[in-house]
Amino acid sequence: MTSVDIHRPSSRGPRAALAAIAGCMVAAAASSAGAAIPPTDTPSIVVRYADLDITTSQGASALYRRIASAAQHVCPDADIRDLERSSQVRLCRQQALARAVKTIGSPLLAALHAGNAKHG
């Protein structure tokens, strides 16, 4: 696997928004063999990392930054005065990061994520 696809389900009202956050998905993207991912109406970003050696701390850190940036794009900022929506956005990003890290299965990436989760 050399990429991960980060998705955020679309929201259709308050209940759907909560379900979307709870169901924030990260699916493994197609490998270099070219397998296709089914089309979806969900915002998503493919994070490629074939150029990184994720068995090194430098490579894992670079990938983590890419995943975090993608999570920010698929779970966009809310007005800071809307506390409920801000909380939903934060949860969506946390879940997107956690699922991407789990999907990739790198011990260094997992350790980096665990360290960031403790401090964030």
C-alpha atoms as a PDB file:
ATOM      1  CA  MET A   1       0.000   0.000   0.000  1.00  0.00           C
ATOM      2  CA  THR A   2       1.412   3.400  -0.954  1.00  0.00           C
ATOM      3  CA  SER A   3      -1.566   5.655  -0.312  1.00  0.00           C
ATOM      4  CA  VAL A   4      -4.494   6.093   2.020  1.00  0.00           C
ATOM      5  CA  ASP A   5      -7.855   7.666   1.179  1.00  0.00           C
ATOM      6  CA  ILE A   6      -9.407   9.874   3.858  1.00  0.00           C
ATOM      7  CA  HIS A   7     -13.205  10.295   3.687  1.00  0.00           C
ATOM      8  CA  ARG A   8     -15.752  12.427   5.498  1.00  0.00           C
ATOM      9  CA  PRO A   9     -19.402  11.449   5.045  1.00  0.00           C
ATOM     10  CA  SER A  10     -21.654  14.275   3.909  1.00  0.00           C
ATOM     11  CA  SER A  11     -24.035  15.612   6.517  1.00  0.00           C
ATOM     12  CA  ARG A  12     -27.741  16.075   6.004  1.00  0.00           C
ATOM     13  CA  GLY A  13     -29.004  17.705   9.190  1.00  0.00           C
ATOM     14  CA  PRO A  14     -28.077  17.383  12.871  1.00  0.00           C
ATOM     15  CA  ARG A  15     -28.573  13.615  13.193  1.00  0.00           C
ATOM     16  CA  ALA A  16     -26.747  12.923   9.955  1.00  0.00           C
ATOM     17  CA  ALA A  17     -23.916  15.190  11.075  1.00  0.00           C
ATOM     18  CA  LEU A  18     -23.474  13.170  14.260  1.00  0.00           C
ATOM     19  CA  ALA A  19     -23.667   9.912  12.325  1.00  0.00           C
ATOM     20  CA  ALA A  20     -21.185  11.292   9.819  1.00  0.00           C
ATOM     21  CA  ILE A  21     -18.713  12.123  12.539  1.00  0.00           C
ATOM     22  CA  ALA A  22     -19.177   8.743  14.212  1.00  0.00           C
ATOM     23  CA  GLY A  23     -18.774   7.027  10.865  1.00  0.00           C
ATOM     24  CA  CYS A  24     -15.813   9.055   9.633  1.00  0.00           C
ATOM     25  CA  MET A  25     -14.090   6.526   7.417  1.00  0.00           C
ATOM     26  CA  VAL A  26     -10.605   6.005   6.131  1.00  0.00           C
ATOM     27  CA  ALA A  27     -10.277   3.311   3.504  1.00  0.00           C
ATOM     28  CA  ALA A  28      -7.125   1.846   2.062  1.00  0.00           C
ATOM     29  CA  ALA A  29      -6.522   3.286  -1.376  1.00  0.00           C
ATOM     30  CA  ALA A  30      -5.670   1.336  -4.452  1.00  0.00           C
ATOM     31  CA  SER A  31      -2.210  -0.158  -4.533  1.00  0.00           C
ATOM     32  CA  SER A  32       0.186   0.511  -7.360  1.00  0.00           C
ATOM     33  CA  ALA A  33      -1.461  -2.444  -9.141  1.00  0.00           C
ATOM     34  CA  GLY A  34      -4.294  -0.045  -9.990  1.00  0.00           C
ATOM     35  CA  ALA A  35      -7.297  -1.528  -8.172  1.00  0.00           C
ATOM     36  CA  ALA A  36     -10.230   0.881  -8.219  1.00  0.00           C
ATOM     37  CA  ILE A  37     -12.099   2.230  -5.217  1.00  0.00           C
ATOM     38  CA  PRO A  38     -15.866   2.462  -5.620  1.00  0.00           C
ATOM     39  CA  PRO A  39     -17.085   6.011  -6.309  1.00  0.00           C
ATOM     40  CA  THR A  40     -18.564   7.917  -3.389  1.00  0.00           C
ATOM     41  CA  ASP A  41     -20.213  11.283  -2.777  1.00  0.00           C
ATOM     42  CA  THR A  42     -18.094  11.662   0.350  1.00  0.00           C
ATOM     43  CA  PRO A  43     -15.338  14.284   0.359  1.00  0.00           C
ATOM     44  CA  SER A  44     -12.009  12.492   0.300  1.00  0.00           C
ATOM     45  CA  ILE A  45      -8.326  13.040  -0.239  1.00  0.00           C
ATOM     46  CA  VAL A  46      -5.812  10.399  -1.275  1.00  0.00           C
ATOM     47  CA  VAL A  47      -2.586  10.719   0.679  1.00  0.00           C
ATOM     48  CA  ARG A  48       0.297   9.185  -1.243  1.00  0.00           C
ATOM     49  CA  TYR A  49       3.462   8.115   0.511  1.00  0.00           C
ATOM     50  CA  ALA A  50       5.402   5.937  -1.919  1.00  0.00           C
ATOM     51  CA  ASP A  51       8.132   8.584  -1.765  1.00  0.00           C
ATOM     52  CA  LEU A  52       8.549   8.119   2.010  1.00  0.00           C
ATOM     53  CA  ASP A  53      10.370   5.465   4.002  1.00  0.00           C
ATOM     54  CA  ILE A  54       7.845   5.068   6.811  1.00  0.00           C
ATOM     55  CA  THR A  55      10.176   2.690   8.637  1.00  0.00           C
ATOM     56  CA  THR A  56      12.157   5.767   9.712  1.00  0.00           C
ATOM     57  CA  SER A  57      10.996   8.401  12.188  1.00  0.00           C
ATOM     58  CA  GLN A  58      11.493  11.112   9.560  1.00  0.00           C
ATOM     59  CA  GLY A  59       9.322   9.280   7.021  1.00  0.00           C
ATOM     60  CA  ALA A  60       6.627   8.452   9.586  1.00  0.00           C
ATOM     61  CA  SER A  61       6.544  12.094  10.741  1.00  0.00           C
ATOM     62  CA  ALA A  62       6.193  13.346   7.173  1.00  0.00           C
ATOM     63  CA  LEU A  63       3.336  10.907   6.525  1.00  0.00           C
ATOM     64  CA  TYR A  64       1.608  11.880   9.771  1.00  0.00           C
ATOM     65  CA  ARG A  65       1.722  15.544   8.736  1.00  0.00           C
ATOM     66  CA  ARG A  66       0.213  14.644   5.353  1.00  0.00           C
ATOM     67  CA  ILE A  67      -2.586  12.653   6.979  1.00  0.00           C
ATOM     68  CA  ALA A  68      -3.300  15.442   9.481  1.00  0.00           C
ATOM     69  CA  SER A  69      -3.462  17.976   6.651  1.00  0.00           C
ATOM     70  CA  ALA A  70      -5.846  15.752   4.680  1.00  0.00           C
ATOM     71  CA  ALA A  71      -8.050  15.333   7.763  1.00  0.00           C
ATOM     72  CA  GLN A  72      -8.242  19.129   8.075  1.00  0.00           C
ATOM     73  CA  HIS A  73      -9.436  19.350   4.475  1.00  0.00           C
ATOM     74  CA  VAL A  74     -12.096  16.638   4.685  1.00  0.00           C
ATOM     75  CA  CYS A  75     -13.265  17.869   8.111  1.00  0.00           C
ATOM     76  CA  PRO A  76     -13.200  21.655   7.536  1.00  0.00           C
ATOM     77  CA  ASP A  77     -13.137  24.243  10.301  1.00  0.00           C
ATOM     78  CA  ALA A  78     -16.349  25.447  11.865  1.00  0.00           C
ATOM     79  CA  ASP A  79     -17.146  28.875  13.257  1.00  0.00           C
ATOM     80  CA  ILE A  80     -15.450  28.915  16.680  1.00  0.00           C
ATOM     81  CA  ARG A  81     -18.659  30.322  18.162  1.00  0.00           C
ATOM     82  CA  ASP A  82     -20.479  27.099  17.203  1.00  0.00           C
ATOM     83  CA  LEU A  83     -19.159  24.882  19.990  1.00  0.00           C
ATOM     84  CA  GLU A  84     -21.127  21.778  18.980  1.00  0.00           C
ATOM     85  CA  ARG A  85     -19.922  21.937  15.378  1.00  0.00           C
ATOM     86  CA  SER A  86     -16.350  22.655  16.502  1.00  0.00           C
ATOM     87  CA  SER A  87     -16.492  19.554  18.683  1.00  0.00           C
ATOM     88  CA  GLN A  88     -17.801  17.495  15.748  1.00  0.00           C
ATOM     89  CA  VAL A  89     -14.987  18.752  13.518  1.00  0.00           C
ATOM     90  CA  ARG A  90     -12.378  17.891  16.150  1.00  0.00           C
ATOM     91  CA  LEU A  91     -13.845  14.377  16.537  1.00  0.00           C
ATOM     92  CA  CYS A  92     -13.989  13.880  12.765  1.00  0.00           C
ATOM     93  CA  ARG A  93     -10.298  14.799  12.449  1.00  0.00           C
ATOM     94  CA  GLN A  94      -9.287  12.553  15.350  1.00  0.00           C
ATOM     95  CA  GLN A  95     -11.164   9.612  13.863  1.00  0.00           C
ATOM     96  CA  ALA A  96      -9.776  10.221  10.374  1.00  0.00           C
ATOM     97  CA  LEU A  97      -6.235  10.272  11.756  1.00  0.00           C
ATOM     98  CA  ALA A  98      -6.745   7.188  13.904  1.00  0.00           C
ATOM     99  CA  ARG A  99      -8.264   5.163  11.081  1.00  0.00           C
ATOM    100  CA  ALA A 100      -5.605   6.182   8.580  1.00  0.00           C
ATOM    101  CA  VAL A 101      -2.865   5.218  11.039  1.00  0.00           C
ATOM    102  CA  LYS A 102      -4.551   1.864  11.690  1.00  0.00           C
ATOM    103  CA  THR A 103      -5.055   1.226   7.964  1.00  0.00           C
ATOM    104  CA  ILE A 104      -1.406   1.862   7.168  1.00  0.00           C
ATOM    105  CA  GLY A 105      -0.215  -0.394   9.982  1.00  0.00           C
ATOM    106  CA  SER A 106       3.168   1.222  10.609  1.00  0.00           C
ATOM    107  CA  PRO A 107       4.444   0.818  14.194  1.00  0.00           C
ATOM    108  CA  LEU A 108       6.346   4.129  14.004  1.00  0.00           C
ATOM    109  CA  LEU A 109       3.299   5.951  12.684  1.00  0.00           C
ATOM    110  CA  ALA A 110       1.150   4.392  15.419  1.00  0.00           C
ATOM    111  CA  ALA A 111       3.621   5.458  18.111  1.00  0.00           C
ATOM    112  CA  LEU A 112       3.729   8.982  16.716  1.00  0.00           C
ATOM    113  CA  HIS A 113      -0.063   9.134  16.683  1.00  0.00           C
ATOM    114  CA  ALA A 114      -0.300   7.804  20.248  1.00  0.00           C
ATOM    115  CA  GLY A 115       2.170  10.474  21.406  1.00  0.00           C
ATOM    116  CA  ASN A 116       0.257  13.231  19.630  1.00  0.00           C
ATOM    117  CA  ALA A 117      -3.072  11.995  21.021  1.00  0.00           C
ATOM    118  CA  LYS A 118      -1.718  12.267  24.579  1.00  0.00           C
ATOM    119  CA  HIS A 119      -0.614  15.858  24.025  1.00  0.00           C
ATOM    120  CA  GLY A 120      -3.427  17.034  21.774  1.00  0.00           C
END
